[in-house]
Amino acid sequence: MRLLHTSDWHLGRALHRVSMLDAQAAFITRLVATVRERAVDAVVVSGDVYDRAVPPLAAVELFDDALHRLAALGVPTVMISGNHDSARRLGVGAGLIGRAGIHLRTDPGACGEPVVLADAHGDVAFYGLPYLEPALVKGEFGVERAGHEAVLAAAMDRVRADLATRPAGTRSVVLAHAFVTGGEASDSERDITVGGVASVPSAVFDGVDYVALGHLHGSQVISERVRYSGSPLAYSFSEAAHRKTMWLVELGAAGELVTAERVDCPVPRPLARIRGDLADLLADPGLARHEDAWVEATLTDPVRPDDPMARISERFPHTLSLVFDPARAPEEPGVSYAQRLRDRTDQQIAEDFVTHVRGAGPDAREQAVLRDAFDAVRADDVLREVAG
């Protein structure tokens, strides 16, 4: 059976206030084309369909379009909710939608009830484990301690118990939305740490033929049978080096992994991180390849340049993020904040703050503005005391 594994669509998400809706629509088109052209037998979507619990209307319309296009192909789709989704909202109408071959699995209590599909070699049972927030589902699974490993282990016990009742030779696929030990995170994933522990060992999933993971945005192989598809688009500059793909996986007659191929997703515009003094960034010929990219520029000038965003945008018109990390001498170690302020006037402290933020102290005009501001505050305090 040939599976197309994807996750973390995050429909409705923006990149530094740039709408990604057109890029997400292009991804859906590529997904549908891949299903048709590569003779896919089933699509699995491992959570974070939307970027937030109450998505914008345009994102809902894109999701609706995706469902209609997948259903029109007659290829079954199994989909779970992730930690960004509202499981209740995503699951509305799941029974009716299921009749069209789109199987939404958003109820933690139903994780042991598979979608059973068949090919020439027999049945394949698809178990959907939506994101399991430990504090909310520990009662459902009867675990004493609210932790990710405990609730996922209990959910997998239900999966294995159901699988044991199936005919011999039934193959199995688990969809899960979790942080599995060994995975590499990016800045885009929402923290799911509970009790200081966010990750779970891959051994939790022992006993099934393929585990289609969602949550981490980089395509990753935890083991031959346990994989992250990653997000189809980059949603932070920490993903600038990611190759965004889907997994095209073929399960053999005995559940063996015959092939696992990465299918590239469309790239709306490359991402680039550049770093250095502003003058160097504007002049370096080696950076010409990034002039059409979405750029995060980190400026290391010891003194903050004038109008830096406008200047960097002249060369890199798609600059989305400007970071300041001035190259300065380290502060004296062992000196507390209180010690640094001791015997310094309000004026001096304010001037020190300007120096810290900008890299250079205020000029005479700016010193006068600060002095007038402090004089006004002191005069106001005197008036309050007299009036009181």
Protein backbone atom coordinates (compact mmCIF):
# COMPACT_ATOMS: atom_id res chain seq x y z
CA MET A 1 0.00 0.00 0.00
CA ARG A 2 1.37 3.38 -1.01
CA LEU A 3 0.95 6.16 1.58
CA LEU A 4 1.53 9.88 1.30
CA HIS A 5 2.51 11.19 4.74
CA THR A 6 2.24 14.91 5.49
CA SER A 7 1.55 17.11 8.53
CA ASP A 8 1.71 20.59 10.02
CA TRP A 9 -0.07 22.50 7.27
CA HIS A 10 -0.76 25.39 9.70
CA LEU A 11 -3.37 26.86 7.40
CA GLY A 12 -3.80 30.56 8.16
CA ARG A 13 -0.27 31.11 9.41
CA ALA A 14 1.83 34.08 8.30
CA LEU A 15 5.60 34.52 8.12
CA HIS A 16 6.51 37.79 9.83
CA ARG A 17 3.12 39.24 8.84
CA VAL A 18 3.42 38.01 5.23
CA SER A 19 0.38 35.90 4.36
CA MET A 20 1.25 32.33 3.38
CA LEU A 21 -2.22 31.51 2.09
CA ASP A 22 -1.24 31.48 -1.60
CA ALA A 23 1.76 29.28 -0.82
CA GLN A 24 -0.45 26.95 1.20
CA ALA A 25 -2.88 26.73 -1.72
CA ALA A 26 0.04 25.85 -4.02
CA PHE A 27 1.03 23.09 -1.60
CA ILE A 28 -2.50 21.64 -1.65
CA THR A 29 -2.34 21.62 -5.45
CA ARG A 30 0.99 19.76 -5.32
CA LEU A 31 -0.44 17.31 -2.78
CA VAL A 32 -3.45 16.51 -4.96
CA ALA A 33 -1.26 16.17 -8.05
CA THR A 34 1.09 13.80 -6.23
CA VAL A 35 -1.82 11.64 -5.09
CA ARG A 36 -3.06 11.39 -8.66
CA GLU A 37 0.27 11.01 -10.47
CA ARG A 38 1.95 8.61 -8.05
CA ALA A 39 -1.02 6.26 -7.58
CA VAL A 40 -1.26 6.93 -3.85
CA ASP A 41 -3.56 4.56 -1.97
CA ALA A 42 -4.05 6.66 1.18
CA VAL A 43 -3.11 10.11 2.49
CA VAL A 44 -2.21 10.61 6.16
CA VAL A 45 -2.13 14.07 7.76
CA SER A 46 -0.57 14.02 11.22
CA GLY A 47 -1.99 17.10 12.87
CA ASP A 48 -1.80 20.91 12.98
CA VAL A 49 -4.07 21.30 10.01
CA TYR A 50 -4.76 24.85 11.17
CA ASP A 51 -2.43 27.30 12.88
CA ARG A 52 -4.82 28.18 15.67
CA ALA A 53 -7.94 26.92 17.35
CA VAL A 54 -10.20 29.48 15.67
CA PRO A 55 -8.75 29.83 12.16
CA PRO A 56 -9.54 32.71 9.79
CA LEU A 57 -12.28 32.14 7.21
CA ALA A 58 -9.80 32.01 4.32
CA ALA A 59 -7.97 29.12 5.99
CA VAL A 60 -11.24 27.24 6.54
CA GLU A 61 -12.16 27.73 2.88
CA LEU A 62 -8.77 26.37 1.78
CA PHE A 63 -9.22 23.34 4.02
CA ASP A 64 -12.70 22.78 2.59
CA ASP A 65 -11.26 22.98 -0.93
CA ALA A 66 -8.56 20.44 -0.02
CA LEU A 67 -11.15 17.99 1.34
CA HIS A 68 -13.29 18.27 -1.79
CA ARG A 69 -10.32 17.72 -4.08
CA LEU A 70 -9.04 14.72 -2.15
CA ALA A 71 -12.53 13.19 -1.96
CA ALA A 72 -12.96 13.68 -5.72
CA LEU A 73 -9.91 11.50 -6.32
CA GLY A 74 -11.53 8.64 -4.40
CA VAL A 75 -8.34 8.18 -2.34
CA PRO A 76 -8.96 7.76 1.42
CA THR A 77 -7.47 10.36 3.76
CA VAL A 78 -6.84 9.88 7.48
CA MET A 79 -6.27 13.05 9.48
CA ILE A 80 -5.69 13.83 13.17
CA SER A 81 -5.78 17.06 15.16
CA GLY A 82 -2.58 18.62 16.49
CA ASN A 83 -1.78 20.91 19.40
CA HIS A 84 -2.57 24.01 17.30
CA ASP A 85 -5.98 22.69 16.27
CA SER A 86 -9.22 22.76 18.19
CA ALA A 87 -10.01 19.05 18.19
CA ARG A 88 -13.71 19.71 18.75
CA ARG A 89 -13.97 22.19 15.87
CA LEU A 90 -11.89 20.14 13.46
CA GLY A 91 -13.95 17.07 14.25
CA VAL A 92 -17.34 18.65 13.57
CA GLY A 93 -19.13 16.59 10.93
CA ALA A 94 -16.51 13.83 11.02
CA GLY A 95 -19.15 11.13 10.59
CA LEU A 96 -20.59 12.69 7.45
CA ILE A 97 -17.17 13.60 6.04
CA GLY A 98 -16.05 10.04 6.63
CA ARG A 99 -18.62 8.84 4.09
CA ALA A 100 -16.63 10.74 1.47
CA GLY A 101 -13.46 8.90 2.46
CA ILE A 102 -12.00 11.68 4.65
CA HIS A 103 -11.50 10.21 8.11
CA LEU A 104 -11.01 12.80 10.86
CA ARG A 105 -9.66 11.40 14.13
CA THR A 106 -9.88 14.04 16.88
CA ASP A 107 -11.31 12.08 19.85
CA PRO A 108 -8.58 10.67 22.15
CA GLY A 109 -10.99 8.02 23.43
CA ALA A 110 -11.32 6.53 19.93
CA CYS A 111 -7.59 5.96 19.36
CA GLY A 112 -8.10 2.19 19.47
CA GLU A 113 -10.74 2.29 16.71
CA PRO A 114 -8.93 2.19 13.37
CA VAL A 115 -9.85 3.15 9.86
CA VAL A 116 -9.42 -0.15 8.00
CA LEU A 117 -8.41 0.02 4.35
CA ALA A 118 -7.52 -2.87 2.08
CA ASP A 119 -5.28 -3.61 -0.88
CA ALA A 120 -4.35 -6.78 -2.78
CA HIS A 121 -2.44 -8.07 0.25
CA GLY A 122 -5.17 -7.60 2.86
CA ASP A 123 -6.13 -5.06 5.50
CA VAL A 124 -4.20 -2.05 6.78
CA ALA A 125 -5.45 -0.58 10.07
CA PHE A 126 -4.88 3.18 10.50
CA TYR A 127 -4.94 4.35 14.12
CA GLY A 128 -5.27 8.09 14.70
CA LEU A 129 -3.76 9.44 17.94
CA PRO A 130 -4.67 13.14 18.01
CA TYR A 131 -2.48 15.42 20.11
CA LEU A 132 -2.87 14.18 23.69
CA GLU A 133 -2.61 17.03 26.20
CA PRO A 134 -1.67 15.08 29.35
CA ALA A 135 -3.61 17.19 31.84
CA LEU A 136 -6.80 16.86 29.78
CA VAL A 137 -6.67 13.15 28.86
CA LYS A 138 -5.07 11.46 31.87
CA GLY A 139 -8.53 10.56 33.19
CA GLU A 140 -9.53 9.03 29.86
CA PHE A 141 -6.47 6.78 29.90
CA GLY A 142 -6.42 6.12 33.63
CA VAL A 143 -2.87 7.32 34.23
CA GLU A 144 -1.91 8.77 37.60
CA ARG A 145 0.76 11.16 36.42
CA ALA A 146 0.06 13.69 33.68
CA GLY A 147 2.95 13.22 31.28
CA HIS A 148 3.34 12.78 27.54
CA GLU A 149 4.98 9.38 27.76
CA ALA A 150 2.32 8.02 30.12
CA VAL A 151 -0.68 9.05 28.01
CA LEU A 152 0.91 8.01 24.70
CA ALA A 153 1.89 4.65 26.19
CA ALA A 154 -1.69 4.13 27.37
CA ALA A 155 -3.04 5.10 23.94
CA MET A 156 -0.65 2.69 22.24
CA ASP A 157 -1.76 -0.07 24.61
CA ARG A 158 -5.26 0.38 23.17
CA VAL A 159 -3.85 0.28 19.63
CA ARG A 160 -1.96 -2.97 20.26
CA ALA A 161 -4.95 -4.50 22.03
CA ASP A 162 -7.20 -3.80 19.04
CA LEU A 163 -4.56 -4.95 16.56
CA ALA A 164 -4.34 -8.28 18.41
CA THR A 165 -7.98 -8.93 17.59
CA ARG A 166 -7.47 -8.36 13.85
CA PRO A 167 -6.89 -11.16 11.33
CA ALA A 168 -3.32 -12.41 11.14
CA GLY A 169 -1.25 -10.36 8.71
CA THR A 170 -3.15 -7.12 9.27
CA ARG A 171 -0.70 -4.27 8.74
CA SER A 172 -0.79 -1.18 10.91
CA VAL A 173 -0.13 2.55 10.63
CA VAL A 174 -0.23 5.00 13.56
CA LEU A 175 -0.66 8.74 13.15
CA ALA A 176 0.59 10.72 16.15
CA HIS A 177 1.32 14.34 16.99
CA ALA A 178 4.15 14.42 19.52
CA PHE A 179 7.78 15.29 20.21
CA VAL A 180 9.69 12.02 19.95
CA THR A 181 13.17 11.73 21.44
CA GLY A 182 15.81 12.21 18.79
CA GLY A 183 13.79 14.72 16.81
CA GLU A 184 15.22 18.15 16.05
CA ALA A 185 12.99 21.11 16.86
CA SER A 186 12.81 24.56 15.26
CA ASP A 187 11.54 27.93 16.48
CA SER A 188 8.14 27.32 14.85
CA GLU A 189 6.70 24.62 17.09
CA ARG A 190 4.66 25.59 20.12
CA ASP A 191 6.21 24.34 23.36
CA ILE A 192 4.39 21.27 24.71
CA THR A 193 6.62 20.71 27.74
CA VAL A 194 4.83 19.17 30.73
CA GLY A 195 6.66 18.73 34.02
CA GLY A 196 9.94 19.62 32.31
CA VAL A 197 9.60 16.77 29.79
CA ALA A 198 8.25 17.23 26.28
CA SER A 199 9.69 14.25 24.40
CA VAL A 200 8.73 10.58 24.43
CA PRO A 201 10.88 7.59 23.40
CA SER A 202 10.20 6.03 20.03
CA ALA A 203 9.84 2.67 21.76
CA VAL A 204 6.36 3.82 22.82
CA PHE A 205 5.28 2.97 19.26
CA ASP A 206 6.69 -0.56 19.14
CA GLY A 207 4.48 -3.16 17.49
CA VAL A 208 3.21 -1.26 14.45
CA ASP A 209 4.49 -1.16 10.90
CA TYR A 210 4.70 2.59 10.29
CA VAL A 211 4.40 5.67 12.52
CA ALA A 212 3.50 8.91 10.71
CA LEU A 213 4.52 11.71 13.05
CA GLY A 214 3.58 15.37 13.14
CA HIS A 215 4.62 18.36 15.28
CA LEU A 216 8.29 18.93 14.38
CA HIS A 217 8.68 21.00 11.23
CA GLY A 218 11.78 19.33 9.80
CA SER A 219 11.50 16.11 7.77
CA GLN A 220 13.25 13.52 9.95
CA VAL A 221 13.86 9.80 10.29
CA ILE A 222 13.72 8.68 13.91
CA SER A 223 13.95 5.07 12.77
CA GLU A 224 13.10 3.26 9.55
CA ARG A 225 9.47 2.92 10.67
CA VAL A 226 9.11 6.18 12.65
CA ARG A 227 9.28 9.40 10.63
CA TYR A 228 8.34 13.07 10.66
CA SER A 229 7.13 14.52 7.38
CA GLY A 230 7.76 18.07 8.59
CA SER A 231 5.75 21.12 7.57
CA PRO A 232 5.22 21.76 3.85
CA LEU A 233 6.39 25.37 4.20
CA ALA A 234 8.96 27.18 6.31
CA TYR A 235 7.27 29.11 9.11
CA SER A 236 10.35 30.66 10.76
CA PHE A 237 13.88 31.56 9.77
CA SER A 238 15.13 28.65 11.88
CA GLU A 239 13.81 26.50 9.01
CA ALA A 240 15.88 28.29 6.36
CA ALA A 241 17.98 25.18 5.71
CA HIS A 242 15.03 22.73 5.65
CA ARG A 243 14.10 20.84 2.52
CA LYS A 244 10.30 20.79 2.69
CA THR A 245 8.86 17.45 1.60
CA MET A 246 6.21 14.79 2.06
CA TRP A 247 7.00 11.09 2.59
CA LEU A 248 5.84 8.69 -0.10
CA VAL A 249 5.95 5.35 1.72
CA GLU A 250 5.17 1.90 0.37
CA LEU A 251 4.25 -0.90 2.76
CA GLY A 252 4.84 -4.40 1.51
CA ALA A 253 2.65 -7.48 1.87
CA ALA A 254 4.10 -8.31 5.30
CA GLY A 255 4.22 -4.72 6.56
CA GLU A 256 7.83 -4.18 5.55
CA LEU A 257 8.87 -0.73 4.38
CA VAL A 258 9.57 -1.31 0.70
CA THR A 259 10.37 2.31 -0.19
CA ALA A 260 10.37 5.74 1.47
CA GLU A 261 10.80 8.68 -0.89
CA ARG A 262 10.77 12.40 -0.18
CA VAL A 263 8.48 14.36 -2.49
CA ASP A 264 9.34 18.06 -2.64
CA CYS A 265 6.80 20.74 -1.77
CA PRO A 266 6.63 24.03 -3.71
CA VAL A 267 8.94 26.79 -2.40
CA PRO A 268 7.25 30.20 -2.68
CA ARG A 269 10.49 32.05 -1.95
CA PRO A 270 13.73 30.83 -0.34
CA LEU A 271 14.68 31.96 3.18
CA ALA A 272 18.09 33.38 4.03
CA ARG A 273 19.84 34.44 7.21
CA ILE A 274 22.62 36.99 6.73
CA ARG A 275 24.86 38.53 9.38
CA GLY A 276 27.44 41.29 9.55
CA ASP A 277 28.00 45.05 9.55
CA LEU A 278 25.42 46.88 7.46
CA ALA A 279 28.05 48.24 5.07
CA ASP A 280 29.45 44.76 4.50
CA LEU A 281 26.01 43.26 3.86
CA LEU A 282 25.24 45.94 1.30
CA ALA A 283 28.55 45.46 -0.54
CA ASP A 284 29.30 41.70 -0.31
CA PRO A 285 28.95 40.22 -3.84
CA GLY A 286 28.62 36.73 -2.34
CA LEU A 287 25.18 37.68 -1.00
CA ALA A 288 23.72 38.37 -4.45
CA ARG A 289 22.03 34.95 -4.40
CA HIS A 290 19.82 36.13 -1.51
CA GLU A 291 18.52 39.29 -3.16
CA ASP A 292 15.21 37.63 -4.08
CA ALA A 293 14.88 35.67 -0.81
CA TRP A 294 12.94 36.40 2.34
CA VAL A 295 15.76 37.67 4.54
CA GLU A 296 16.52 37.85 8.24
CA ALA A 297 19.43 40.27 8.64
CA THR A 298 21.44 40.39 11.85
CA LEU A 299 23.45 43.61 12.12
CA THR A 300 26.64 43.48 14.17
CA ASP A 301 27.55 47.18 13.91
CA PRO A 302 28.78 48.38 17.34
CA VAL A 303 26.63 51.51 16.85
CA ARG A 304 23.14 51.09 15.48
CA PRO A 305 23.06 52.53 11.94
CA ASP A 306 20.58 55.17 10.87
CA ASP A 307 17.46 53.91 9.09
CA PRO A 308 18.77 50.33 8.82
CA MET A 309 15.62 48.64 7.50
CA ALA A 310 15.22 51.03 4.59
CA ARG A 311 18.89 50.68 3.68
CA ILE A 312 19.03 46.88 3.87
CA SER A 313 15.78 46.68 1.89
CA GLU A 314 17.33 48.58 -1.01
CA ARG A 315 19.46 45.52 -1.74
CA PHE A 316 17.25 42.83 -0.18
CA PRO A 317 13.69 44.05 -0.88
CA HIS A 318 12.08 41.04 0.83
CA THR A 319 13.74 41.57 4.21
CA LEU A 320 11.24 40.51 6.87
CA SER A 321 13.28 40.58 10.06
CA LEU A 322 16.03 42.85 11.35
CA VAL A 323 18.01 41.75 14.40
CA PHE A 324 20.65 43.76 16.25
CA ASP A 325 23.57 41.92 17.81
CA PRO A 326 26.30 44.54 18.17
CA ALA A 327 29.88 43.41 18.55
CA ARG A 328 30.83 44.92 21.92
CA ALA A 329 33.24 44.22 24.71
CA PRO A 330 31.72 41.96 27.37
CA GLU A 331 30.51 43.58 30.57
CA GLU A 332 32.65 43.24 33.66
CA PRO A 333 31.87 39.85 35.22
CA GLY A 334 30.68 39.61 38.80
CA VAL A 335 29.29 43.15 38.88
CA SER A 336 25.60 43.24 39.78
CA TYR A 337 23.01 45.54 38.25
CA ALA A 338 22.65 47.37 41.59
CA GLN A 339 26.42 47.95 41.74
CA ARG A 340 26.44 49.39 38.23
CA LEU A 341 23.71 51.88 39.22
CA ARG A 342 25.27 52.92 42.51
CA ASP A 343 25.99 56.68 42.82
CA ARG A 344 24.66 57.39 39.32
CA THR A 345 22.02 60.05 38.68
CA ASP A 346 18.78 59.45 36.82
CA GLN A 347 20.26 61.37 33.88
CA GLN A 348 23.34 59.16 33.79
CA ILE A 349 21.27 55.97 34.03
CA ALA A 350 19.10 57.11 31.10
CA GLU A 351 22.18 57.97 29.06
CA ASP A 352 23.68 54.56 29.85
CA PHE A 353 20.47 52.92 28.59
CA VAL A 354 20.67 54.81 25.29
CA THR A 355 24.29 53.69 24.94
CA HIS A 356 23.35 50.07 25.65
CA VAL A 357 20.52 50.03 23.11
CA ARG A 358 22.15 52.03 20.34
CA GLY A 359 25.85 51.39 20.90
CA ALA A 360 26.62 55.10 21.21
CA GLY A 361 25.68 57.62 23.87
CA PRO A 362 23.27 60.52 23.33
CA ASP A 363 24.57 63.68 21.70
CA ALA A 364 24.24 67.12 23.27
CA ARG A 365 20.74 67.70 21.87
CA GLU A 366 19.52 64.32 23.13
CA GLN A 367 21.10 64.94 26.54
CA ALA A 368 19.14 68.18 26.74
CA VAL A 369 15.89 66.38 25.86
CA LEU A 370 16.52 63.84 28.64
CA ARG A 371 17.38 66.62 31.10
CA ASP A 372 14.20 68.54 30.27
CA ALA A 373 12.15 65.34 30.71
CA PHE A 374 13.58 64.67 34.16
CA ASP A 375 13.13 68.33 35.17
CA ALA A 376 9.47 68.12 34.10
CA VAL A 377 8.92 64.97 36.16
CA ARG A 378 10.55 66.51 39.21
CA ALA A 379 8.50 69.71 38.82
CA ASP A 380 5.34 67.64 38.56
CA ASP A 381 6.26 65.78 41.77
CA VAL A 382 6.75 69.12 43.57
CA LEU A 383 3.36 70.38 42.40
CA ARG A 384 1.72 67.16 43.60
CA GLU A 385 3.29 67.56 47.03
CA VAL A 386 2.17 71.20 47.29
CA ALA A 387 -1.34 70.35 46.13
CA GLY A 388 -1.51 67.45 48.57
